[in-house]
Amino acid sequence: MKKTLLILAVAATALMTSCVNNKEMIYLQGADSIYANTLAIDKNFQLLIQSDDELAISITSRDKQLIEQFNNSILVGSGNSASGSSQAMTQSGVCYFWVNQDGTIEFPIVGRVKAAGLTVEELSENIRQQLAKDVNDVQVSAKIMSFKITVLGDVKNPGTQSYTGQRLTLLEVLGRAGDLNASAIRTNVLVIREENNKRTSYKVDLTKPESVFNSPAYYMQQNDLVYVESNKSVKVKGSTSYTYLTVTGTLVSMVASIVSLIIALTR
């Protein structure tokens, strides 16, 4: 009888401790062997301009008359204010514009220009070609200023953050959010994306390299939403870290009780 109780106690202890040491907490399992040989990277991270984006567009030219038109204290751009347009401030030839719902901006001299669906390089070249009809020496550079990502759920620092540049990955976003908490589910990270007037969701398993690197959501786009689900052990009430510590403490207490019972029975 004592031997049977001892076996059951050891089995129960092993089962409970295995819950704490969860293999699903390890990121990119097997990546060292999968990528032992160098693989080409698909550079599909270039952002496309979307409606409601804020753009910074700069004009450079030796033609003083051209630049003077962009150096006024205020330029009228496109936007969604009450009057149907927003004012774009400019200094040294840099103007800021909101992309209308129809995907266009109202650019000085040129007029209405399509922006949505283009890269910043394509938009810059389109505007340059329009201006070059009257001015030989002109350069145009556009930049997306509204690259924002929202991270919610079981991460250390949830919230909305702004980024510069065009290349931003899901792993970088989670890293900037302080990484996932110990109680987060790493096998089912949700990314919700809006593009072309459609909303799409992607599921990413952070433990599997192919799920991470091959996902359309690996490279982030402006206004993406990332949600990290919590483990079932985390209750609705109370903070995540406190609940996780409480569960762990309960398991330790149970193990201690079983050990005490074993000692009492074997005396």
C-alpha atoms as a PDB file:
ATOM      1  CA  MET A   1       0.000   0.000   0.000  1.00  0.00           C
ATOM      2  CA  LYS A   2       2.792   2.398   0.954  1.00  0.00           C
ATOM      3  CA  LYS A   3       4.629   1.586  -2.274  1.00  0.00           C
ATOM      4  CA  THR A   4       1.497   2.338  -4.329  1.00  0.00           C
ATOM      5  CA  LEU A   5       0.964   5.659  -2.591  1.00  0.00           C
ATOM      6  CA  LEU A   6       4.594   6.567  -3.174  1.00  0.00           C
ATOM      7  CA  ILE A   7       4.309   5.854  -6.908  1.00  0.00           C
ATOM      8  CA  LEU A   8       1.116   7.908  -7.201  1.00  0.00           C
ATOM      9  CA  ALA A   9       2.667  10.795  -5.295  1.00  0.00           C
ATOM     10  CA  VAL A  10       5.745  10.872  -7.491  1.00  0.00           C
ATOM     11  CA  ALA A  11       3.595  10.727 -10.642  1.00  0.00           C
ATOM     12  CA  ALA A  12       1.410  13.596  -9.428  1.00  0.00           C
ATOM     13  CA  THR A  13       4.457  15.686  -8.556  1.00  0.00           C
ATOM     14  CA  ALA A  14       5.996  15.111 -11.991  1.00  0.00           C
ATOM     15  CA  LEU A  15       2.723  16.035 -13.698  1.00  0.00           C
ATOM     16  CA  MET A  16       2.375  19.300 -11.817  1.00  0.00           C
ATOM     17  CA  THR A  17       5.967  20.386 -12.245  1.00  0.00           C
ATOM     18  CA  SER A  18       5.705  19.714 -15.979  1.00  0.00           C
ATOM     19  CA  CYS A  19       2.987  22.376 -16.129  1.00  0.00           C
ATOM     20  CA  VAL A  20       5.490  24.945 -14.935  1.00  0.00           C
ATOM     21  CA  ASN A  21       8.256  23.899 -17.354  1.00  0.00           C
ATOM     22  CA  ASN A  22       6.216  24.285 -20.511  1.00  0.00           C
ATOM     23  CA  LYS A  23       8.044  23.479 -23.759  1.00  0.00           C
ATOM     24  CA  GLU A  24       5.676  25.779 -25.613  1.00  0.00           C
ATOM     25  CA  MET A  25       7.475  28.766 -24.099  1.00  0.00           C
ATOM     26  CA  ILE A  26      10.482  28.252 -26.402  1.00  0.00           C
ATOM     27  CA  TYR A  27      10.473  30.457 -29.526  1.00  0.00           C
ATOM     28  CA  LEU A  28      11.378  29.225 -33.029  1.00  0.00           C
ATOM     29  CA  GLN A  29      12.015  25.619 -32.067  1.00  0.00           C
ATOM     30  CA  GLY A  30      14.320  23.838 -34.533  1.00  0.00           C
ATOM     31  CA  ALA A  31      15.373  27.059 -36.280  1.00  0.00           C
ATOM     32  CA  ASP A  32      19.039  26.186 -35.823  1.00  0.00           C
ATOM     33  CA  SER A  33      18.668  23.087 -38.014  1.00  0.00           C
ATOM     34  CA  ILE A  34      16.101  24.510 -40.456  1.00  0.00           C
ATOM     35  CA  TYR A  35      18.317  27.476 -41.280  1.00  0.00           C
ATOM     36  CA  ALA A  36      21.652  25.680 -40.993  1.00  0.00           C
ATOM     37  CA  ASN A  37      22.054  26.400 -44.702  1.00  0.00           C
ATOM     38  CA  THR A  38      21.643  30.005 -45.838  1.00  0.00           C
ATOM     39  CA  LEU A  39      18.237  30.792 -47.339  1.00  0.00           C
ATOM     40  CA  ALA A  40      17.299  33.809 -49.436  1.00  0.00           C
ATOM     41  CA  ILE A  41      15.029  36.343 -47.722  1.00  0.00           C
ATOM     42  CA  ASP A  42      11.867  37.469 -49.475  1.00  0.00           C
ATOM     43  CA  LYS A  43      12.077  41.261 -49.212  1.00  0.00           C
ATOM     44  CA  ASN A  44       8.353  41.953 -49.255  1.00  0.00           C
ATOM     45  CA  PHE A  45       8.371  44.460 -46.393  1.00  0.00           C
ATOM     46  CA  GLN A  46       7.886  47.590 -48.464  1.00  0.00           C
ATOM     47  CA  LEU A  47       4.858  49.514 -47.245  1.00  0.00           C
ATOM     48  CA  LEU A  48       2.040  50.654 -49.494  1.00  0.00           C
ATOM     49  CA  ILE A  49       0.352  53.983 -48.827  1.00  0.00           C
ATOM     50  CA  GLN A  50      -3.178  53.677 -47.443  1.00  0.00           C
ATOM     51  CA  SER A  51      -6.110  56.006 -47.010  1.00  0.00           C
ATOM     52  CA  ASP A  52      -5.831  58.155 -43.868  1.00  0.00           C
ATOM     53  CA  ASP A  53      -2.027  57.874 -43.855  1.00  0.00           C
ATOM     54  CA  GLU A  54      -0.009  60.972 -43.034  1.00  0.00           C
ATOM     55  CA  LEU A  55       2.716  61.695 -45.569  1.00  0.00           C
ATOM     56  CA  ALA A  56       5.727  63.981 -45.384  1.00  0.00           C
ATOM     57  CA  ILE A  57       6.774  65.143 -48.855  1.00  0.00           C
ATOM     58  CA  SER A  58       9.880  67.245 -49.428  1.00  0.00           C
ATOM     59  CA  ILE A  59      10.816  69.171 -52.565  1.00  0.00           C
ATOM     60  CA  THR A  60      14.417  69.992 -53.479  1.00  0.00           C
ATOM     61  CA  SER A  61      15.390  72.189 -56.416  1.00  0.00           C
ATOM     62  CA  ARG A  62      17.763  74.959 -57.482  1.00  0.00           C
ATOM     63  CA  ASP A  63      14.768  76.779 -58.888  1.00  0.00           C
ATOM     64  CA  LYS A  64      14.015  79.401 -56.215  1.00  0.00           C
ATOM     65  CA  GLN A  65      10.619  80.214 -57.657  1.00  0.00           C
ATOM     66  CA  LEU A  66       9.537  76.610 -57.324  1.00  0.00           C
ATOM     67  CA  ILE A  67      10.789  76.235 -53.759  1.00  0.00           C
ATOM     68  CA  GLU A  68       9.192  79.521 -52.703  1.00  0.00           C
ATOM     69  CA  GLN A  69       5.813  78.016 -53.457  1.00  0.00           C
ATOM     70  CA  PHE A  70       6.521  75.324 -50.869  1.00  0.00           C
ATOM     71  CA  ASN A  71       8.039  77.644 -48.284  1.00  0.00           C
ATOM     72  CA  ASN A  72       4.862  79.522 -47.396  1.00  0.00           C
ATOM     73  CA  SER A  73       3.932  79.335 -43.763  1.00  0.00           C
ATOM     74  CA  ILE A  74       0.858  77.231 -44.581  1.00  0.00           C
ATOM     75  CA  LEU A  75      -0.019  74.966 -47.482  1.00  0.00           C
ATOM     76  CA  VAL A  76      -3.442  73.426 -47.950  1.00  0.00           C
ATOM     77  CA  GLY A  77      -3.286  69.641 -48.214  1.00  0.00           C
ATOM     78  CA  SER A  78      -5.850  66.860 -48.203  1.00  0.00           C
ATOM     79  CA  GLY A  79      -7.471  65.520 -45.094  1.00  0.00           C
ATOM     80  CA  ASN A  80     -10.606  64.696 -43.175  1.00  0.00           C
ATOM     81  CA  SER A  81     -11.227  67.796 -41.093  1.00  0.00           C
ATOM     82  CA  ALA A  82     -14.650  69.369 -40.729  1.00  0.00           C
ATOM     83  CA  SER A  83     -14.105  71.523 -43.803  1.00  0.00           C
ATOM     84  CA  GLY A  84     -12.999  68.563 -45.904  1.00  0.00           C
ATOM     85  CA  SER A  85      -9.361  69.624 -46.003  1.00  0.00           C
ATOM     86  CA  SER A  86      -6.514  70.021 -43.547  1.00  0.00           C
ATOM     87  CA  GLN A  87      -3.683  72.503 -43.383  1.00  0.00           C
ATOM     88  CA  ALA A  88      -0.208  71.138 -44.009  1.00  0.00           C
ATOM     89  CA  MET A  89       2.667  72.978 -42.349  1.00  0.00           C
ATOM     90  CA  THR A  90       5.888  73.253 -44.320  1.00  0.00           C
ATOM     91  CA  GLN A  91       9.468  74.252 -43.591  1.00  0.00           C
ATOM     92  CA  SER A  92      12.323  74.128 -46.118  1.00  0.00           C
ATOM     93  CA  GLY A  93      10.097  72.523 -48.700  1.00  0.00           C
ATOM     94  CA  VAL A  94       8.622  69.764 -46.471  1.00  0.00           C
ATOM     95  CA  CYS A  95       4.821  69.420 -46.521  1.00  0.00           C
ATOM     96  CA  TYR A  96       2.544  67.080 -44.563  1.00  0.00           C
ATOM     97  CA  PHE A  97      -0.605  65.613 -46.096  1.00  0.00           C
ATOM     98  CA  TRP A  98      -3.370  63.261 -45.083  1.00  0.00           C
ATOM     99  CA  VAL A  99      -4.410  60.745 -47.730  1.00  0.00           C
ATOM    100  CA  ASN A 100      -8.127  61.118 -48.524  1.00  0.00           C
ATOM    101  CA  GLN A 101     -10.561  58.239 -48.346  1.00  0.00           C
ATOM    102  CA  ASP A 102     -10.462  58.057 -52.137  1.00  0.00           C
ATOM    103  CA  GLY A 103      -6.708  57.458 -51.901  1.00  0.00           C
ATOM    104  CA  THR A 104      -5.571  60.838 -53.252  1.00  0.00           C
ATOM    105  CA  ILE A 105      -3.795  63.936 -51.978  1.00  0.00           C
ATOM    106  CA  GLU A 106      -4.193  67.489 -53.223  1.00  0.00           C
ATOM    107  CA  PHE A 107      -0.630  68.557 -54.010  1.00  0.00           C
ATOM    108  CA  PRO A 108       0.310  72.205 -54.764  1.00  0.00           C
ATOM    109  CA  ILE A 109       0.952  73.007 -58.436  1.00  0.00           C
ATOM    110  CA  VAL A 110       0.309  69.403 -59.507  1.00  0.00           C
ATOM    111  CA  GLY A 111      -3.235  69.070 -58.173  1.00  0.00           C
ATOM    112  CA  ARG A 112      -4.868  65.794 -57.184  1.00  0.00           C
ATOM    113  CA  VAL A 113      -2.440  62.867 -57.103  1.00  0.00           C
ATOM    114  CA  LYS A 114      -3.163  59.197 -56.460  1.00  0.00           C
ATOM    115  CA  ALA A 115      -1.271  57.934 -53.403  1.00  0.00           C
ATOM    116  CA  ALA A 116      -3.013  54.862 -51.944  1.00  0.00           C
ATOM    117  CA  GLY A 117      -1.650  51.563 -53.215  1.00  0.00           C
ATOM    118  CA  LEU A 118       1.709  53.095 -54.180  1.00  0.00           C
ATOM    119  CA  THR A 119       5.059  52.899 -52.438  1.00  0.00           C
ATOM    120  CA  VAL A 120       6.623  56.164 -51.286  1.00  0.00           C
ATOM    121  CA  GLU A 121       9.162  55.812 -54.082  1.00  0.00           C
ATOM    122  CA  GLU A 122       6.428  55.488 -56.712  1.00  0.00           C
ATOM    123  CA  LEU A 123       4.533  58.494 -55.355  1.00  0.00           C
ATOM    124  CA  SER A 124       7.722  60.567 -55.233  1.00  0.00           C
ATOM    125  CA  GLU A 125       8.522  59.730 -58.850  1.00  0.00           C
ATOM    126  CA  ASN A 126       4.982  60.536 -60.024  1.00  0.00           C
ATOM    127  CA  ILE A 127       5.109  63.972 -58.409  1.00  0.00           C
ATOM    128  CA  ARG A 128       8.645  64.588 -59.684  1.00  0.00           C
ATOM    129  CA  GLN A 129       7.596  63.835 -63.248  1.00  0.00           C
ATOM    130  CA  GLN A 130       4.699  66.286 -62.969  1.00  0.00           C
ATOM    131  CA  LEU A 131       6.936  69.058 -61.611  1.00  0.00           C
ATOM    132  CA  ALA A 132       9.712  68.277 -64.119  1.00  0.00           C
ATOM    133  CA  LYS A 133       7.449  69.421 -66.966  1.00  0.00           C
ATOM    134  CA  ASP A 134       8.208  72.997 -65.930  1.00  0.00           C
ATOM    135  CA  VAL A 135      11.414  72.592 -63.885  1.00  0.00           C
ATOM    136  CA  ASN A 136      14.444  70.573 -64.978  1.00  0.00           C
ATOM    137  CA  ASP A 137      16.136  70.294 -61.608  1.00  0.00           C
ATOM    138  CA  VAL A 138      13.727  68.911 -59.000  1.00  0.00           C
ATOM    139  CA  GLN A 139      13.783  66.032 -56.528  1.00  0.00           C
ATOM    140  CA  VAL A 140      10.878  64.696 -54.487  1.00  0.00           C
ATOM    141  CA  SER A 141      11.008  62.487 -51.414  1.00  0.00           C
ATOM    142  CA  ALA A 142       7.964  61.078 -49.597  1.00  0.00           C
ATOM    143  CA  LYS A 143       7.737  59.306 -46.239  1.00  0.00           C
ATOM    144  CA  ILE A 144       4.911  57.656 -44.298  1.00  0.00           C
ATOM    145  CA  MET A 145       4.634  59.358 -40.900  1.00  0.00           C
ATOM    146  CA  SER A 146       1.704  57.330 -39.511  1.00  0.00           C
ATOM    147  CA  PHE A 147       3.327  53.888 -39.111  1.00  0.00           C
ATOM    148  CA  LYS A 148       1.610  52.755 -35.910  1.00  0.00           C
ATOM    149  CA  ILE A 149       1.146  49.286 -34.419  1.00  0.00           C
ATOM    150  CA  THR A 150      -1.121  48.335 -31.487  1.00  0.00           C
ATOM    151  CA  VAL A 151      -0.144  45.411 -29.241  1.00  0.00           C
ATOM    152  CA  LEU A 152      -2.733  44.110 -26.765  1.00  0.00           C
ATOM    153  CA  GLY A 153      -3.055  41.142 -24.447  1.00  0.00           C
ATOM    154  CA  ASP A 154      -0.539  39.242 -22.367  1.00  0.00           C
ATOM    155  CA  VAL A 155       2.622  41.281 -23.010  1.00  0.00           C
ATOM    156  CA  LYS A 156       4.631  43.365 -20.570  1.00  0.00           C
ATOM    157  CA  ASN A 157       3.976  46.749 -22.198  1.00  0.00           C
ATOM    158  CA  PRO A 158       0.740  46.751 -24.236  1.00  0.00           C
ATOM    159  CA  GLY A 159      -0.271  49.841 -26.156  1.00  0.00           C
ATOM    160  CA  THR A 160       0.087  51.741 -29.428  1.00  0.00           C
ATOM    161  CA  GLN A 161       3.539  52.747 -30.610  1.00  0.00           C
ATOM    162  CA  SER A 162       4.829  54.705 -33.603  1.00  0.00           C
ATOM    163  CA  TYR A 163       7.754  53.586 -35.733  1.00  0.00           C
ATOM    164  CA  THR A 164      10.002  55.090 -38.361  1.00  0.00           C
ATOM    165  CA  GLY A 165      11.296  53.393 -41.467  1.00  0.00           C
ATOM    166  CA  GLN A 166       9.506  50.737 -43.504  1.00  0.00           C
ATOM    167  CA  ARG A 167      10.895  47.425 -42.257  1.00  0.00           C
ATOM    168  CA  LEU A 168       9.321  46.210 -39.029  1.00  0.00           C
ATOM    169  CA  THR A 169       8.755  42.559 -38.120  1.00  0.00           C
ATOM    170  CA  LEU A 170       6.319  40.866 -35.756  1.00  0.00           C
ATOM    171  CA  LEU A 171       9.199  39.747 -33.522  1.00  0.00           C
ATOM    172  CA  GLU A 172      10.494  43.316 -33.309  1.00  0.00           C
ATOM    173  CA  VAL A 173       7.037  44.568 -32.341  1.00  0.00           C
ATOM    174  CA  LEU A 174       6.739  41.989 -29.556  1.00  0.00           C
ATOM    175  CA  GLY A 175      10.258  42.811 -28.418  1.00  0.00           C
ATOM    176  CA  ARG A 176       9.425  46.519 -28.178  1.00  0.00           C
ATOM    177  CA  ALA A 177       6.333  45.581 -26.177  1.00  0.00           C
ATOM    178  CA  GLY A 178       8.617  43.968 -23.602  1.00  0.00           C
ATOM    179  CA  ASP A 179       8.100  40.384 -24.831  1.00  0.00           C
ATOM    180  CA  LEU A 180       5.292  38.019 -23.846  1.00  0.00           C
ATOM    181  CA  ASN A 181       4.573  37.294 -20.197  1.00  0.00           C
ATOM    182  CA  ALA A 182       5.208  33.788 -18.894  1.00  0.00           C
ATOM    183  CA  SER A 183       1.459  33.099 -18.910  1.00  0.00           C
ATOM    184  CA  ALA A 184       0.975  34.066 -22.582  1.00  0.00           C
ATOM    185  CA  ILE A 185       0.094  31.524 -25.273  1.00  0.00           C
ATOM    186  CA  ARG A 186       2.925  31.566 -27.802  1.00  0.00           C
ATOM    187  CA  THR A 187       1.279  29.186 -30.267  1.00  0.00           C
ATOM    188  CA  ASN A 188      -1.659  31.396 -31.201  1.00  0.00           C
ATOM    189  CA  VAL A 189      -0.674  35.061 -31.679  1.00  0.00           C
ATOM    190  CA  LEU A 190      -3.333  36.974 -33.619  1.00  0.00           C
ATOM    191  CA  VAL A 191      -2.579  39.745 -36.132  1.00  0.00           C
ATOM    192  CA  ILE A 192      -5.502  41.754 -37.545  1.00  0.00           C
ATOM    193  CA  ARG A 193      -4.842  43.847 -40.640  1.00  0.00           C
ATOM    194  CA  GLU A 194      -6.962  46.290 -42.651  1.00  0.00           C
ATOM    195  CA  GLU A 195      -6.097  46.871 -46.299  1.00  0.00           C
ATOM    196  CA  ASN A 196      -8.071  47.557 -49.479  1.00  0.00           C
ATOM    197  CA  ASN A 197     -11.205  48.138 -47.371  1.00  0.00           C
ATOM    198  CA  LYS A 198     -10.981  44.592 -46.015  1.00  0.00           C
ATOM    199  CA  ARG A 199     -10.104  43.183 -42.611  1.00  0.00           C
ATOM    200  CA  THR A 200      -7.922  40.053 -42.492  1.00  0.00           C
ATOM    201  CA  SER A 201      -6.660  38.032 -39.531  1.00  0.00           C
ATOM    202  CA  TYR A 202      -3.563  35.848 -39.282  1.00  0.00           C
ATOM    203  CA  LYS A 203      -2.565  33.298 -36.634  1.00  0.00           C
ATOM    204  CA  VAL A 204       1.141  32.890 -35.865  1.00  0.00           C
ATOM    205  CA  ASP A 205       2.769  30.114 -33.822  1.00  0.00           C
ATOM    206  CA  LEU A 206       5.906  31.648 -32.327  1.00  0.00           C
ATOM    207  CA  THR A 207       7.315  28.209 -31.494  1.00  0.00           C
ATOM    208  CA  LYS A 208       7.479  27.207 -35.176  1.00  0.00           C
ATOM    209  CA  PRO A 209       9.961  29.049 -37.447  1.00  0.00           C
ATOM    210  CA  GLU A 210       7.972  28.322 -40.602  1.00  0.00           C
ATOM    211  CA  SER A 211       4.809  29.787 -39.060  1.00  0.00           C
ATOM    212  CA  VAL A 212       6.647  32.976 -38.115  1.00  0.00           C
ATOM    213  CA  PHE A 213       8.863  33.667 -41.128  1.00  0.00           C
ATOM    214  CA  ASN A 214       6.395  32.488 -43.792  1.00  0.00           C
ATOM    215  CA  SER A 215       3.423  34.386 -42.416  1.00  0.00           C
ATOM    216  CA  PRO A 216       2.062  37.370 -44.408  1.00  0.00           C
ATOM    217  CA  ALA A 217       1.973  39.108 -41.020  1.00  0.00           C
ATOM    218  CA  TYR A 218       5.710  38.688 -40.341  1.00  0.00           C
ATOM    219  CA  TYR A 219       6.392  42.107 -41.862  1.00  0.00           C
ATOM    220  CA  MET A 220       4.134  44.626 -40.163  1.00  0.00           C
ATOM    221  CA  GLN A 221       1.996  47.190 -41.937  1.00  0.00           C
ATOM    222  CA  GLN A 222       0.654  50.476 -40.651  1.00  0.00           C
ATOM    223  CA  ASN A 223      -2.271  50.151 -38.213  1.00  0.00           C
ATOM    224  CA  ASP A 224      -1.783  46.394 -37.622  1.00  0.00           C
ATOM    225  CA  LEU A 225      -3.244  45.024 -34.375  1.00  0.00           C
ATOM    226  CA  VAL A 226      -1.362  42.266 -32.517  1.00  0.00           C
ATOM    227  CA  TYR A 227      -3.196  40.346 -29.790  1.00  0.00           C
ATOM    228  CA  VAL A 228      -1.546  37.838 -27.440  1.00  0.00           C
ATOM    229  CA  GLU A 229      -3.892  35.453 -25.643  1.00  0.00           C
ATOM    230  CA  SER A 230      -3.404  34.422 -22.027  1.00  0.00           C
ATOM    231  CA  ASN A 231      -3.156  30.891 -20.702  1.00  0.00           C
ATOM    232  CA  LYS A 232      -6.299  29.461 -19.115  1.00  0.00           C
ATOM    233  CA  SER A 233      -4.599  29.661 -15.724  1.00  0.00           C
ATOM    234  CA  VAL A 234      -4.912  33.440 -15.872  1.00  0.00           C
ATOM    235  CA  LYS A 235      -8.251  34.587 -14.535  1.00  0.00           C
ATOM    236  CA  VAL A 236     -10.174  37.661 -15.561  1.00  0.00           C
ATOM    237  CA  LYS A 237      -9.642  39.412 -12.254  1.00  0.00           C
ATOM    238  CA  GLY A 238      -6.196  40.330 -10.986  1.00  0.00           C
ATOM    239  CA  SER A 239      -2.971  41.055 -12.813  1.00  0.00           C
ATOM    240  CA  THR A 240      -1.338  38.461 -15.045  1.00  0.00           C
ATOM    241  CA  SER A 241       1.920  38.248 -13.097  1.00  0.00           C
ATOM    242  CA  TYR A 242       0.141  37.978  -9.752  1.00  0.00           C
ATOM    243  CA  THR A 243      -2.161  35.206 -10.980  1.00  0.00           C
ATOM    244  CA  TYR A 244       0.728  33.254 -12.476  1.00  0.00           C
ATOM    245  CA  LEU A 245       2.686  33.458  -9.230  1.00  0.00           C
ATOM    246  CA  THR A 246      -0.404  32.366  -7.307  1.00  0.00           C
ATOM    247  CA  VAL A 247      -0.837  29.265  -9.477  1.00  0.00           C
ATOM    248  CA  THR A 248       2.845  28.409  -9.140  1.00  0.00           C
ATOM    249  CA  GLY A 249       2.682  28.864  -5.385  1.00  0.00           C
ATOM    250  CA  THR A 250      -0.339  26.566  -5.183  1.00  0.00           C
ATOM    251  CA  LEU A 251       1.531  23.848  -7.079  1.00  0.00           C
ATOM    252  CA  VAL A 252       4.509  24.145  -4.760  1.00  0.00           C
ATOM    253  CA  SER A 253       2.237  23.868  -1.718  1.00  0.00           C
ATOM    254  CA  MET A 254       0.601  20.739  -3.152  1.00  0.00           C
ATOM    255  CA  VAL A 255       3.990  19.157  -3.817  1.00  0.00           C
ATOM    256  CA  ALA A 256       5.067  19.930  -0.246  1.00  0.00           C
ATOM    257  CA  SER A 257       1.878  18.361   1.109  1.00  0.00           C
ATOM    258  CA  ILE A 258       2.424  15.196  -0.923  1.00  0.00           C
ATOM    259  CA  VAL A 259       6.016  14.917   0.287  1.00  0.00           C
ATOM    260  CA  SER A 260       4.839  15.310   3.897  1.00  0.00           C
ATOM    261  CA  LEU A 261       2.248  12.586   3.354  1.00  0.00           C
ATOM    262  CA  ILE A 262       4.896  10.253   1.949  1.00  0.00           C
ATOM    263  CA  ILE A 263       7.111  10.820   4.989  1.00  0.00           C
ATOM    264  CA  ALA A 264       4.216  10.166   7.365  1.00  0.00           C
ATOM    265  CA  LEU A 265       3.207   6.927   5.604  1.00  0.00           C
ATOM    266  CA  THR A 266       6.720   5.529   5.412  1.00  0.00           C
ATOM    267  CA  ARG A 267       7.452   5.916   9.124  1.00  0.00           C
END
